[in-house]
Amino acid sequence: MTDKDKKFMRRAIAKAEEGMNKNAGGPFGCVIVKDDEIIAEAHNCVTSANDPTAHAEIVAIRKACERLNTFQLDDCTVYTSCEPCPMCFGAIYWARPKQVYYALTKQDAASIDFDDQFIYDELEKKVADRDLEFTGLLRNEALPLFEKWSKKSDKKAY
């Protein structure tokens, strides 16, 4: 961990405070860096945007990908003020940065009522045992789409 890493994390923490002070959403911030330059930064905007996916990491990933004109964050580093929730964790993995730094832990978040343990628990359950009903529908009609995708010669793999 370098002084630059600390500088970028302090910026993520400042973004978290900025969003909190604006009542934009929860106290979470994120900065994405490539070649020692901030290419995107964001704070949580869930309540101000009426968007449950507008977590700081998701907003920052979208901005970074738009700026870089790509769907992957190769050679980027993510600095987030808190250990990512399950949604952001998944998005970060799909974006494929080289590294993630976080300040606070998921236990710290749970202590202020941002507890995602129920989602981790749901992921471990069989589909039929989940609290939210999930029902498969029209698989046979949808399956040809996947077959076409697997044979598509001009697809862009990711």
C-alpha atoms as a PDB file:
ATOM      1  CA  MET A   1       0.000   0.000   0.000  1.00  0.00           C
ATOM      2  CA  THR A   2       1.432   3.325  -1.102  1.00  0.00           C
ATOM      3  CA  ASP A   3       0.784   6.951  -0.273  1.00  0.00           C
ATOM      4  CA  LYS A   4      -1.062   7.168  -3.610  1.00  0.00           C
ATOM      5  CA  ASP A   5      -3.339   4.312  -2.529  1.00  0.00           C
ATOM      6  CA  LYS A   6      -4.093   6.186   0.683  1.00  0.00           C
ATOM      7  CA  LYS A   7      -4.814   9.370  -1.300  1.00  0.00           C
ATOM      8  CA  PHE A   8      -7.310   7.544  -3.537  1.00  0.00           C
ATOM      9  CA  MET A   9      -8.970   5.856  -0.554  1.00  0.00           C
ATOM     10  CA  ARG A  10      -9.303   9.191   1.199  1.00  0.00           C
ATOM     11  CA  ARG A  11     -11.047  10.468  -1.934  1.00  0.00           C
ATOM     12  CA  ALA A  12     -13.466   7.509  -1.829  1.00  0.00           C
ATOM     13  CA  ILE A  13     -14.190   8.275   1.823  1.00  0.00           C
ATOM     14  CA  ALA A  14     -14.727  11.957   0.950  1.00  0.00           C
ATOM     15  CA  LYS A  15     -17.178  10.939  -1.801  1.00  0.00           C
ATOM     16  CA  ALA A  16     -19.049   8.840   0.757  1.00  0.00           C
ATOM     17  CA  GLU A  17     -19.329  11.822   3.079  1.00  0.00           C
ATOM     18  CA  GLU A  18     -20.352  14.105   0.209  1.00  0.00           C
ATOM     19  CA  GLY A  19     -23.215  11.809  -0.768  1.00  0.00           C
ATOM     20  CA  MET A  20     -24.277  11.381   2.848  1.00  0.00           C
ATOM     21  CA  ASN A  21     -24.287  15.148   3.424  1.00  0.00           C
ATOM     22  CA  LYS A  22     -26.426  15.636   0.281  1.00  0.00           C
ATOM     23  CA  ASN A  23     -28.844  12.931   1.467  1.00  0.00           C
ATOM     24  CA  ALA A  24     -28.200  11.201  -1.856  1.00  0.00           C
ATOM     25  CA  GLY A  25     -28.044   7.761  -0.254  1.00  0.00           C
ATOM     26  CA  GLY A  26     -26.028   5.745   2.213  1.00  0.00           C
ATOM     27  CA  PRO A  27     -22.508   6.709   3.361  1.00  0.00           C
ATOM     28  CA  PHE A  28     -20.575   4.951   0.605  1.00  0.00           C
ATOM     29  CA  GLY A  29     -18.080   6.206  -1.969  1.00  0.00           C
ATOM     30  CA  CYS A  30     -15.931   4.759  -4.720  1.00  0.00           C
ATOM     31  CA  VAL A  31     -13.005   5.866  -6.881  1.00  0.00           C
ATOM     32  CA  ILE A  32     -11.632   4.004  -9.906  1.00  0.00           C
ATOM     33  CA  VAL A  33      -8.032   4.648 -10.921  1.00  0.00           C
ATOM     34  CA  LYS A  34      -6.005   3.774 -13.998  1.00  0.00           C
ATOM     35  CA  ASP A  35      -2.354   4.731 -14.451  1.00  0.00           C
ATOM     36  CA  ASP A  36      -2.435   6.767 -11.225  1.00  0.00           C
ATOM     37  CA  GLU A  37      -5.335   8.911 -12.509  1.00  0.00           C
ATOM     38  CA  ILE A  38      -8.898   8.947 -11.193  1.00  0.00           C
ATOM     39  CA  ILE A  39     -11.060   7.994 -14.150  1.00  0.00           C
ATOM     40  CA  ALA A  40     -14.353   7.798 -12.234  1.00  0.00           C
ATOM     41  CA  GLU A  41     -15.716   8.525  -8.800  1.00  0.00           C
ATOM     42  CA  ALA A  42     -19.141   8.305  -7.237  1.00  0.00           C
ATOM     43  CA  HIS A  43     -21.142   8.217  -4.060  1.00  0.00           C
ATOM     44  CA  ASN A  44     -24.224   6.184  -3.271  1.00  0.00           C
ATOM     45  CA  CYS A  45     -27.325   7.604  -5.012  1.00  0.00           C
ATOM     46  CA  VAL A  46     -29.944   4.989  -4.128  1.00  0.00           C
ATOM     47  CA  THR A  47     -32.480   7.284  -2.481  1.00  0.00           C
ATOM     48  CA  SER A  48     -31.882  10.385  -4.620  1.00  0.00           C
ATOM     49  CA  ALA A  49     -32.098   8.455  -7.907  1.00  0.00           C
ATOM     50  CA  ASN A  50     -34.810   6.059  -6.686  1.00  0.00           C
ATOM     51  CA  ASP A  51     -32.551   3.308  -7.978  1.00  0.00           C
ATOM     52  CA  PRO A  52     -31.680   0.340  -5.747  1.00  0.00           C
ATOM     53  CA  THR A  53     -28.686  -0.393  -7.992  1.00  0.00           C
ATOM     54  CA  ALA A  54     -27.154   3.091  -7.666  1.00  0.00           C
ATOM     55  CA  HIS A  55     -24.508   2.002  -5.176  1.00  0.00           C
ATOM     56  CA  ALA A  56     -21.259   3.951  -5.328  1.00  0.00           C
ATOM     57  CA  GLU A  57     -19.352   1.076  -6.935  1.00  0.00           C
ATOM     58  CA  ILE A  58     -21.988   0.492  -9.624  1.00  0.00           C
ATOM     59  CA  VAL A  59     -22.212   4.204 -10.485  1.00  0.00           C
ATOM     60  CA  ALA A  60     -18.412   4.490 -10.610  1.00  0.00           C
ATOM     61  CA  ILE A  61     -18.067   1.361 -12.773  1.00  0.00           C
ATOM     62  CA  ARG A  62     -20.612   2.741 -15.243  1.00  0.00           C
ATOM     63  CA  LYS A  63     -18.789   6.077 -15.421  1.00  0.00           C
ATOM     64  CA  ALA A  64     -15.382   4.420 -15.805  1.00  0.00           C
ATOM     65  CA  CYS A  65     -16.544   2.101 -18.565  1.00  0.00           C
ATOM     66  CA  GLU A  66     -18.152   5.000 -20.404  1.00  0.00           C
ATOM     67  CA  ARG A  67     -15.000   7.085 -20.119  1.00  0.00           C
ATOM     68  CA  LEU A  68     -12.755   4.221 -21.256  1.00  0.00           C
ATOM     69  CA  ASN A  69     -15.246   3.088 -23.902  1.00  0.00           C
ATOM     70  CA  THR A  70     -15.073  -0.515 -22.724  1.00  0.00           C
ATOM     71  CA  PHE A  71     -17.040  -2.998 -20.652  1.00  0.00           C
ATOM     72  CA  GLN A  72     -14.033  -4.131 -18.635  1.00  0.00           C
ATOM     73  CA  LEU A  73     -11.742  -2.242 -16.301  1.00  0.00           C
ATOM     74  CA  ASP A  74      -8.466  -3.929 -17.148  1.00  0.00           C
ATOM     75  CA  ASP A  75      -5.502  -2.418 -15.314  1.00  0.00           C
ATOM     76  CA  CYS A  76      -7.791  -0.372 -13.062  1.00  0.00           C
ATOM     77  CA  THR A  77      -7.908  -0.277  -9.285  1.00  0.00           C
ATOM     78  CA  VAL A  78     -11.118   0.197  -7.319  1.00  0.00           C
ATOM     79  CA  TYR A  79     -11.056   2.102  -4.025  1.00  0.00           C
ATOM     80  CA  THR A  80     -14.276   1.773  -2.094  1.00  0.00           C
ATOM     81  CA  SER A  81     -15.112   3.197   1.294  1.00  0.00           C
ATOM     82  CA  CYS A  82     -16.649  -0.098   2.406  1.00  0.00           C
ATOM     83  CA  GLU A  83     -16.314  -3.765   1.550  1.00  0.00           C
ATOM     84  CA  PRO A  84     -18.692  -4.262  -1.393  1.00  0.00           C
ATOM     85  CA  CYS A  85     -22.184  -5.677  -0.971  1.00  0.00           C
ATOM     86  CA  PRO A  86     -23.052  -8.833  -2.965  1.00  0.00           C
ATOM     87  CA  MET A  87     -24.343  -6.829  -5.960  1.00  0.00           C
ATOM     88  CA  CYS A  88     -21.260  -4.617  -6.121  1.00  0.00           C
ATOM     89  CA  PHE A  89     -18.980  -7.591  -5.474  1.00  0.00           C
ATOM     90  CA  GLY A  90     -20.451  -9.292  -8.541  1.00  0.00           C
ATOM     91  CA  ALA A  91     -20.238  -6.143 -10.667  1.00  0.00           C
ATOM     92  CA  ILE A  92     -16.608  -5.612  -9.680  1.00  0.00           C
ATOM     93  CA  TYR A  93     -15.744  -9.167 -10.675  1.00  0.00           C
ATOM     94  CA  TRP A  94     -17.551  -8.761 -14.027  1.00  0.00           C
ATOM     95  CA  ALA A  95     -15.648  -5.500 -14.632  1.00  0.00           C
ATOM     96  CA  ARG A  96     -12.336  -7.303 -13.992  1.00  0.00           C
ATOM     97  CA  PRO A  97     -10.179  -4.637 -12.341  1.00  0.00           C
ATOM     98  CA  LYS A  98      -6.734  -5.679 -11.203  1.00  0.00           C
ATOM     99  CA  GLN A  99      -7.277  -4.826  -7.541  1.00  0.00           C
ATOM    100  CA  VAL A 100      -9.779  -3.600  -4.962  1.00  0.00           C
ATOM    101  CA  TYR A 101      -9.053  -1.657  -1.791  1.00  0.00           C
ATOM    102  CA  TYR A 102     -11.752  -1.120   0.834  1.00  0.00           C
ATOM    103  CA  ALA A 103     -11.808   0.847   4.084  1.00  0.00           C
ATOM    104  CA  LEU A 104     -14.699  -0.381   6.217  1.00  0.00           C
ATOM    105  CA  THR A 105     -15.829  -4.004   6.490  1.00  0.00           C
ATOM    106  CA  LYS A 106     -19.232  -5.564   5.885  1.00  0.00           C
ATOM    107  CA  GLN A 107     -19.443  -5.967   9.676  1.00  0.00           C
ATOM    108  CA  ASP A 108     -18.946  -2.206  10.043  1.00  0.00           C
ATOM    109  CA  ALA A 109     -21.787  -1.662   7.543  1.00  0.00           C
ATOM    110  CA  ALA A 110     -24.040  -4.102   9.415  1.00  0.00           C
ATOM    111  CA  SER A 111     -23.447  -2.127  12.605  1.00  0.00           C
ATOM    112  CA  ILE A 112     -25.241   0.875  11.021  1.00  0.00           C
ATOM    113  CA  ASP A 113     -28.070  -1.237   9.562  1.00  0.00           C
ATOM    114  CA  PHE A 114     -26.559  -1.967   6.144  1.00  0.00           C
ATOM    115  CA  ASP A 115     -26.528  -5.723   6.671  1.00  0.00           C
ATOM    116  CA  ASP A 116     -26.361  -7.879   3.548  1.00  0.00           C
ATOM    117  CA  GLN A 117     -26.014 -11.202   5.360  1.00  0.00           C
ATOM    118  CA  PHE A 118     -29.555 -12.179   4.333  1.00  0.00           C
ATOM    119  CA  ILE A 119     -28.480 -12.039   0.668  1.00  0.00           C
ATOM    120  CA  TYR A 120     -25.445 -14.217   1.313  1.00  0.00           C
ATOM    121  CA  ASP A 121     -27.774 -16.638   3.126  1.00  0.00           C
ATOM    122  CA  GLU A 122     -30.276 -16.638   0.248  1.00  0.00           C
ATOM    123  CA  LEU A 123     -27.537 -17.481  -2.257  1.00  0.00           C
ATOM    124  CA  GLU A 124     -26.748 -20.643  -0.319  1.00  0.00           C
ATOM    125  CA  LYS A 125     -30.363 -21.872  -0.316  1.00  0.00           C
ATOM    126  CA  LYS A 126     -31.964 -24.108  -2.899  1.00  0.00           C
ATOM    127  CA  VAL A 127     -34.210 -22.112  -5.235  1.00  0.00           C
ATOM    128  CA  ALA A 128     -37.353 -23.625  -3.702  1.00  0.00           C
ATOM    129  CA  ASP A 129     -36.248 -22.612  -0.184  1.00  0.00           C
ATOM    130  CA  ARG A 130     -35.590 -18.911  -0.859  1.00  0.00           C
ATOM    131  CA  ASP A 131     -37.656 -16.266   0.913  1.00  0.00           C
ATOM    132  CA  LEU A 132     -38.495 -14.638  -2.436  1.00  0.00           C
ATOM    133  CA  GLU A 133     -40.320 -17.013  -4.761  1.00  0.00           C
ATOM    134  CA  PHE A 134     -38.362 -17.868  -7.907  1.00  0.00           C
ATOM    135  CA  THR A 135     -40.253 -19.855 -10.555  1.00  0.00           C
ATOM    136  CA  GLY A 136     -38.824 -21.145 -13.810  1.00  0.00           C
ATOM    137  CA  LEU A 137     -41.025 -20.388 -16.840  1.00  0.00           C
ATOM    138  CA  LEU A 138     -40.786 -21.201 -20.585  1.00  0.00           C
ATOM    139  CA  ARG A 139     -37.272 -22.665 -20.460  1.00  0.00           C
ATOM    140  CA  ASN A 140     -37.881 -24.706 -23.630  1.00  0.00           C
ATOM    141  CA  GLU A 141     -38.882 -21.570 -25.519  1.00  0.00           C
ATOM    142  CA  ALA A 142     -35.871 -19.628 -24.273  1.00  0.00           C
ATOM    143  CA  LEU A 143     -33.267 -22.355 -24.738  1.00  0.00           C
ATOM    144  CA  PRO A 144     -32.938 -21.856 -28.533  1.00  0.00           C
ATOM    145  CA  LEU A 145     -31.661 -18.331 -27.842  1.00  0.00           C
ATOM    146  CA  PHE A 146     -28.676 -19.759 -25.944  1.00  0.00           C
ATOM    147  CA  GLU A 147     -28.117 -22.296 -28.703  1.00  0.00           C
ATOM    148  CA  LYS A 148     -28.041 -19.453 -31.257  1.00  0.00           C
ATOM    149  CA  TRP A 149     -25.603 -17.512 -29.068  1.00  0.00           C
ATOM    150  CA  SER A 150     -23.236 -20.476 -28.802  1.00  0.00           C
ATOM    151  CA  LYS A 151     -23.143 -20.710 -32.617  1.00  0.00           C
ATOM    152  CA  LYS A 152     -22.987 -16.952 -33.288  1.00  0.00           C
ATOM    153  CA  SER A 153     -19.769 -16.244 -35.190  1.00  0.00           C
ATOM    154  CA  ASP A 154     -19.657 -12.452 -34.756  1.00  0.00           C
ATOM    155  CA  LYS A 155     -20.321 -12.272 -30.999  1.00  0.00           C
ATOM    156  CA  LYS A 156     -18.072 -10.220 -28.761  1.00  0.00           C
ATOM    157  CA  ALA A 157     -16.957 -12.528 -25.952  1.00  0.00           C
ATOM    158  CA  TYR A 158     -16.739 -11.271 -22.410  1.00  0.00           C
END
